[in-house]
Amino acid sequence: MPDIKTYETMAMLDLTEGERELLDARLDALAESFAELEKIDADGVEPMVVTVSLQNVLREDAVLKLVVRDDLLANAPSQRDGYFQVPGTL
């Protein structure tokens, strides 16, 4: 496994010695975790793409009744060229 300075160079970072020690310890802990996983006998186990089976949770498309512009404007106190007419503001 590459040392922390190799990763530092690859990521173009400039770490302090304290940061290097902290990251080195965390990388060691991570490597130990993966080493534990390597001990598991997975022969004959089919690989999985996802661990949880999900179904489509989206709703079905539904046709909605749209309001026609003329129906909306029928209740307007004032209209002009197919739009609501409101008092001008400055």
N, C-alpha and C. Protein backbone atom coordinates (compact mmCIF):
# COMPACT_ATOMS: atom_id res chain seq x y z
N MET A 1 0.85 -1.18 0.00
CA MET A 1 0.00 0.00 0.00
C MET A 1 0.89 1.24 0.00
N PRO A 2 0.57 2.20 -0.88
CA PRO A 2 1.40 3.42 -0.93
C PRO A 2 1.35 4.17 0.40
N ASP A 3 2.41 4.91 0.68
CA ASP A 3 2.42 5.69 1.91
C ASP A 3 1.68 7.01 1.69
N ILE A 4 1.46 7.73 2.77
CA ILE A 4 0.67 8.96 2.73
C ILE A 4 1.30 10.02 1.84
N LYS A 5 2.62 10.04 1.74
CA LYS A 5 3.29 11.05 0.90
C LYS A 5 2.98 10.81 -0.58
N THR A 6 2.80 9.55 -0.96
CA THR A 6 2.44 9.25 -2.34
C THR A 6 1.06 9.81 -2.66
N TYR A 7 0.11 9.59 -1.73
CA TYR A 7 -1.23 10.14 -1.92
C TYR A 7 -1.21 11.67 -1.91
N GLU A 8 -0.40 12.22 -1.05
CA GLU A 8 -0.28 13.67 -0.96
C GLU A 8 0.20 14.25 -2.29
N THR A 9 1.17 13.60 -2.90
CA THR A 9 1.69 14.05 -4.19
C THR A 9 0.64 13.90 -5.28
N MET A 10 -0.04 12.76 -5.28
CA MET A 10 -1.06 12.50 -6.31
C MET A 10 -2.19 13.52 -6.24
N ALA A 11 -2.58 13.91 -5.03
CA ALA A 11 -3.69 14.85 -4.84
C ALA A 11 -3.22 16.31 -4.83
N MET A 12 -1.93 16.51 -5.01
CA MET A 12 -1.33 17.83 -5.01
C MET A 12 -1.70 18.60 -3.74
N LEU A 13 -1.48 17.94 -2.59
CA LEU A 13 -1.75 18.55 -1.29
C LEU A 13 -0.44 18.92 -0.62
N ASP A 14 -0.52 19.82 0.32
CA ASP A 14 0.64 20.20 1.12
C ASP A 14 0.21 20.05 2.58
N LEU A 15 0.41 18.84 3.13
CA LEU A 15 -0.05 18.53 4.47
C LEU A 15 1.03 18.81 5.50
N THR A 16 0.58 19.11 6.70
CA THR A 16 1.52 19.24 7.80
C THR A 16 1.86 17.84 8.30
N GLU A 17 2.88 17.73 9.11
CA GLU A 17 3.27 16.42 9.63
C GLU A 17 2.14 15.82 10.48
N GLY A 18 1.46 16.66 11.23
CA GLY A 18 0.33 16.18 12.04
C GLY A 18 -0.80 15.63 11.18
N GLU A 19 -1.09 16.32 10.08
CA GLU A 19 -2.14 15.85 9.16
C GLU A 19 -1.72 14.52 8.52
N ARG A 20 -0.43 14.41 8.16
CA ARG A 20 0.06 13.15 7.58
C ARG A 20 -0.12 11.99 8.55
N GLU A 21 0.22 12.22 9.83
CA GLU A 21 0.10 11.16 10.83
C GLU A 21 -1.35 10.76 11.03
N LEU A 22 -2.25 11.74 11.08
CA LEU A 22 -3.67 11.46 11.25
C LEU A 22 -4.21 10.66 10.07
N LEU A 23 -3.91 11.11 8.86
CA LEU A 23 -4.39 10.39 7.67
C LEU A 23 -3.76 9.01 7.55
N ASP A 24 -2.50 8.89 7.92
CA ASP A 24 -1.84 7.59 7.88
C ASP A 24 -2.52 6.61 8.82
N ALA A 25 -2.88 7.07 10.02
CA ALA A 25 -3.58 6.21 10.98
C ALA A 25 -4.95 5.81 10.45
N ARG A 26 -5.64 6.75 9.84
CA ARG A 26 -6.97 6.44 9.29
C ARG A 26 -6.88 5.48 8.12
N LEU A 27 -5.87 5.65 7.27
CA LEU A 27 -5.69 4.72 6.15
C LEU A 27 -5.35 3.32 6.64
N ASP A 28 -4.54 3.23 7.70
CA ASP A 28 -4.22 1.92 8.28
C ASP A 28 -5.48 1.25 8.82
N ALA A 29 -6.34 2.01 9.50
CA ALA A 29 -7.59 1.46 10.02
C ALA A 29 -8.49 0.99 8.90
N LEU A 30 -8.52 1.74 7.81
CA LEU A 30 -9.34 1.36 6.66
C LEU A 30 -8.79 0.08 6.03
N ALA A 31 -7.48 -0.01 5.89
CA ALA A 31 -6.87 -1.21 5.32
C ALA A 31 -7.15 -2.43 6.19
N GLU A 32 -7.14 -2.26 7.51
CA GLU A 32 -7.46 -3.36 8.42
C GLU A 32 -8.90 -3.81 8.25
N SER A 33 -9.80 -2.87 8.02
CA SER A 33 -11.21 -3.21 7.80
C SER A 33 -11.36 -4.07 6.55
N PHE A 34 -10.66 -3.69 5.48
CA PHE A 34 -10.74 -4.47 4.25
C PHE A 34 -10.07 -5.83 4.42
N ALA A 35 -9.03 -5.90 5.23
CA ALA A 35 -8.37 -7.18 5.49
C ALA A 35 -9.35 -8.14 6.17
N GLU A 36 -10.18 -7.61 7.07
CA GLU A 36 -11.20 -8.45 7.72
C GLU A 36 -12.19 -8.97 6.69
N LEU A 37 -12.58 -8.13 5.76
CA LEU A 37 -13.53 -8.56 4.73
C LEU A 37 -12.94 -9.64 3.83
N GLU A 38 -11.64 -9.57 3.58
CA GLU A 38 -11.00 -10.57 2.72
C GLU A 38 -11.02 -11.96 3.35
N LYS A 39 -11.19 -12.05 4.66
CA LYS A 39 -11.23 -13.34 5.35
C LYS A 39 -12.56 -14.08 5.13
N ILE A 40 -13.57 -13.37 4.68
CA ILE A 40 -14.90 -13.97 4.50
C ILE A 40 -14.89 -14.86 3.27
N ASP A 41 -15.40 -16.08 3.43
CA ASP A 41 -15.50 -17.03 2.32
C ASP A 41 -16.74 -16.68 1.50
N ALA A 42 -16.53 -16.16 0.32
CA ALA A 42 -17.64 -15.74 -0.53
C ALA A 42 -17.74 -16.62 -1.77
N ASP A 43 -17.13 -17.80 -1.76
CA ASP A 43 -17.22 -18.71 -2.90
C ASP A 43 -18.67 -19.14 -3.09
N GLY A 44 -19.15 -19.06 -4.30
CA GLY A 44 -20.50 -19.46 -4.61
C GLY A 44 -21.54 -18.40 -4.35
N VAL A 45 -21.14 -17.26 -3.83
CA VAL A 45 -22.08 -16.16 -3.59
C VAL A 45 -22.14 -15.30 -4.84
N GLU A 46 -23.36 -15.12 -5.33
CA GLU A 46 -23.53 -14.33 -6.54
C GLU A 46 -23.32 -12.84 -6.25
N PRO A 47 -22.51 -12.15 -7.05
CA PRO A 47 -22.28 -10.71 -6.82
C PRO A 47 -23.59 -9.94 -6.93
N MET A 48 -23.70 -8.89 -6.12
CA MET A 48 -24.90 -8.06 -6.13
C MET A 48 -24.53 -6.65 -6.59
N VAL A 49 -25.41 -6.06 -7.35
CA VAL A 49 -25.20 -4.68 -7.77
C VAL A 49 -25.71 -3.74 -6.69
N VAL A 50 -26.86 -4.07 -6.10
CA VAL A 50 -27.42 -3.30 -5.01
C VAL A 50 -27.77 -4.25 -3.88
N THR A 51 -27.74 -3.76 -2.67
CA THR A 51 -28.02 -4.63 -1.53
C THR A 51 -29.47 -4.59 -1.09
N VAL A 52 -30.22 -3.60 -1.56
CA VAL A 52 -31.61 -3.46 -1.17
C VAL A 52 -32.45 -3.51 -2.44
N SER A 53 -33.46 -4.35 -2.43
CA SER A 53 -34.31 -4.39 -3.62
C SER A 53 -35.35 -3.28 -3.53
N LEU A 54 -35.32 -2.41 -4.48
CA LEU A 54 -36.24 -1.28 -4.51
C LEU A 54 -37.17 -1.42 -5.70
N GLN A 55 -38.36 -0.91 -5.55
CA GLN A 55 -39.28 -0.83 -6.67
C GLN A 55 -39.44 0.63 -7.03
N ASN A 56 -39.90 0.87 -8.23
CA ASN A 56 -40.12 2.23 -8.67
C ASN A 56 -41.14 2.89 -7.74
N VAL A 57 -40.76 3.98 -7.13
CA VAL A 57 -41.64 4.66 -6.20
C VAL A 57 -42.30 5.88 -6.83
N LEU A 58 -42.13 6.03 -8.13
CA LEU A 58 -42.76 7.17 -8.80
C LEU A 58 -44.23 6.87 -9.05
N ARG A 59 -45.02 7.90 -9.08
CA ARG A 59 -46.45 7.72 -9.32
C ARG A 59 -46.71 7.54 -10.82
N GLU A 60 -47.85 7.00 -11.12
CA GLU A 60 -48.26 6.87 -12.51
C GLU A 60 -48.61 8.25 -13.06
N ASP A 61 -48.39 8.45 -14.34
CA ASP A 61 -48.79 9.70 -14.97
C ASP A 61 -50.31 9.78 -14.97
N ALA A 62 -50.82 10.94 -14.66
CA ALA A 62 -52.28 11.13 -14.65
C ALA A 62 -52.62 12.34 -15.50
N VAL A 63 -53.69 12.21 -16.28
CA VAL A 63 -54.15 13.32 -17.10
C VAL A 63 -54.91 14.27 -16.20
N LEU A 64 -54.54 15.52 -16.24
CA LEU A 64 -55.20 16.54 -15.42
C LEU A 64 -56.01 17.46 -16.31
N LYS A 65 -57.13 17.91 -15.78
CA LYS A 65 -57.95 18.86 -16.53
C LYS A 65 -57.29 20.23 -16.39
N LEU A 66 -56.89 20.80 -17.49
CA LEU A 66 -56.27 22.11 -17.48
C LEU A 66 -57.33 23.19 -17.57
N VAL A 67 -57.06 24.30 -16.96
CA VAL A 67 -57.98 25.42 -17.01
C VAL A 67 -57.72 26.20 -18.29
N VAL A 68 -58.76 26.52 -18.97
CA VAL A 68 -58.65 27.27 -20.23
C VAL A 68 -58.52 28.75 -19.89
N ARG A 69 -57.69 29.45 -20.65
CA ARG A 69 -57.43 30.87 -20.40
C ARG A 69 -58.71 31.69 -20.38
N ASP A 70 -59.60 31.40 -21.29
CA ASP A 70 -60.85 32.18 -21.35
C ASP A 70 -61.66 32.01 -20.07
N ASP A 71 -61.63 30.79 -19.49
CA ASP A 71 -62.36 30.56 -18.23
C ASP A 71 -61.75 31.38 -17.10
N LEU A 72 -60.43 31.47 -17.07
CA LEU A 72 -59.78 32.27 -16.04
C LEU A 72 -60.09 33.74 -16.20
N LEU A 73 -60.00 34.22 -17.43
CA LEU A 73 -60.21 35.64 -17.68
C LEU A 73 -61.67 36.05 -17.52
N ALA A 74 -62.58 35.09 -17.53
CA ALA A 74 -64.00 35.41 -17.39
C ALA A 74 -64.28 36.05 -16.03
N ASN A 75 -63.48 35.74 -15.02
CA ASN A 75 -63.68 36.30 -13.69
C ASN A 75 -62.82 37.54 -13.43
N ALA A 76 -62.01 37.92 -14.39
CA ALA A 76 -61.13 39.07 -14.19
C ALA A 76 -61.92 40.37 -14.28
N PRO A 77 -61.66 41.30 -13.37
CA PRO A 77 -62.36 42.59 -13.43
C PRO A 77 -62.00 43.36 -14.70
N SER A 78 -60.76 43.13 -15.19
CA SER A 78 -60.33 43.83 -16.39
C SER A 78 -59.29 42.96 -17.11
N GLN A 79 -59.41 42.93 -18.44
CA GLN A 79 -58.46 42.14 -19.22
C GLN A 79 -58.13 42.86 -20.52
N ARG A 80 -56.98 42.47 -21.09
CA ARG A 80 -56.57 43.09 -22.35
C ARG A 80 -55.70 42.10 -23.11
N ASP A 81 -56.02 41.85 -24.35
CA ASP A 81 -55.28 40.95 -25.24
C ASP A 81 -55.02 39.58 -24.61
N GLY A 82 -55.98 39.06 -23.87
CA GLY A 82 -55.85 37.73 -23.30
C GLY A 82 -55.07 37.68 -22.00
N TYR A 83 -54.82 38.82 -21.37
CA TYR A 83 -54.09 38.88 -20.11
C TYR A 83 -54.89 39.68 -19.09
N PHE A 84 -54.60 39.44 -17.79
CA PHE A 84 -55.19 40.26 -16.75
C PHE A 84 -54.66 41.67 -16.91
N GLN A 85 -55.53 42.65 -16.75
CA GLN A 85 -55.06 44.04 -16.79
C GLN A 85 -55.11 44.57 -15.36
N VAL A 86 -53.98 45.08 -14.92
CA VAL A 86 -53.88 45.60 -13.54
C VAL A 86 -53.42 47.05 -13.63
N PRO A 87 -53.65 47.80 -12.56
CA PRO A 87 -53.19 49.20 -12.58
C PRO A 87 -51.66 49.26 -12.71
N GLY A 88 -51.20 50.23 -13.43
CA GLY A 88 -49.76 50.42 -13.59
C GLY A 88 -49.11 50.83 -12.28
N THR A 89 -47.88 50.43 -12.09
CA THR A 89 -47.14 50.82 -10.88
C THR A 89 -45.84 51.48 -11.28
N LEU A 90 -45.36 52.33 -10.45
CA LEU A 90 -44.08 53.00 -10.70
C LEU A 90 -43.02 52.47 -9.82
